[in-house]
Structures are given as structure tokens and as C-alpha cells.
């Protein structure tokens, strides 16, 4: 039985929106994608977490700094409070059930916020050192900078290498991870590019967009395949 993978969309002009590459990557890796609406009822969110086998937190807009006890700075972009509320609640419900989570770009950031971390609202104005271009001016399937991966991490297992080129479309980034989570990749300017849980079966956040790269880069497809493999454990257990 193929696992059901809930994917969180963006909200644009009163319509849900999701780039097709997210769906394509899940299908290519052997999962069945299900696009999730934003819910506010705690019981409904718990029930959704109980029905899906894994959660893909997709990319999108900025995150409300309220969640990490900051006020908005001028560099903060457009936020969607409904999305923040839903995703944070859903992440917590998934973690209680120890179900796999893969966070991509914004999804990586909201995953960190949901577990008690914090973040930079705007890298370019909050970090006082030379930075790479983290918001690349190139097609999404183009890789723009290197990341260095921590050996013997789950990410290293999936990528098979300690240096990988990735694409980059963000101006926010993780600042601090809470206990129980570990950094698994950084860019050359020391921006956090990936992290994972030390205690859960599969909880991984990546700052780049592997869904745009999986067709041409087998390593990015392996990331989704390993995620789906972890999700399949729920189907065999009857979760």
C-alpha cells in the first residue's frame, strides 16, 4: 500500500496554491500526495495527522515573527497567519504520533519554529558578514551554491556525499535549533541549510528546493524516496 502524504499549500487571493513539482516528487518516490486545507479545530488537525502517513511542508511566503517572540522588521515579507497556525499545530500532532516530516525551504523554517527554534526574519539585514546570494536570480532547476553536509548524518546517508550543489530561494533562515535537533548542512557563509531530529524516525528540514531538482539529480530523488520509505512504515503498522 502506498503511503498518503499530506502537503501544505500556499494561500493566494483566497485560493490554495501548490507548485506541481511537490506532487511530482512525491509520486516519483512512491507516495500518494494529498493537498491539505488549513484547519483551525484541534481535533480535526489531530485526525488529519492520524490519517496521513507523512507530512511534506512545502515552500512559500514568510513566517510571522510572533511565534519566536519578535516584532516585524522592515525586511519581513508577506505573511499568512492562517498557514502558520495550521502548520505549527499539524507539526506538533505529527511529532506526537512520531510520523515522518519533510520540510522544504519555508517548510524547514516553520518546522523549526514549531519545535521551539527561532529564525532570521531577513538574512541580508540581520547578518553582519558577507553572504552568498540565497535568493538566486536563475531558473528553479539551476543549482547556485554548495552546501557542506555533516558526515554520518541522515542527510549524508541520503545524499551520499559531503558536498552538494543546491538551488536557493529564501531570505529567511534558521538562527537557532532547540535541543533534540541537529544541524546537518551549512552553506559556505555558514547559513544553516538542513537539520534533522535526533529522536524521531524521520524529521528533516532542508533549506533548498529538492522538488525542482529530483528529475535530473538522483540524490534529490533519494531524499524523497527515503522520506516515503519512512512513511511506508505507518502503512505496514496499520497507522
Foldseek 3Di string as FASTA:
>chain_A
DAFEEEEEFDADPNDTDDPCLVCVLLVVLRHHYDYDDQDDDLVVLLVVLVRGLEYEYEDDAADAQVLQPDHDDPLADDYDVSSLNRLLSNLVSNVVVLGAYEYEAVGLQSNQSSVPFHKARFQVPPDDDDDDPQQDPDDQQDFDFKKAFDPPDVLCVLQVDRIDTFHHRDGMATDDGDPQKDQTIATPVGTGAKIFGPPGPHYIYGNGDLSSHVVPRVSSSSVSNVSSVRSVVCVVVVD
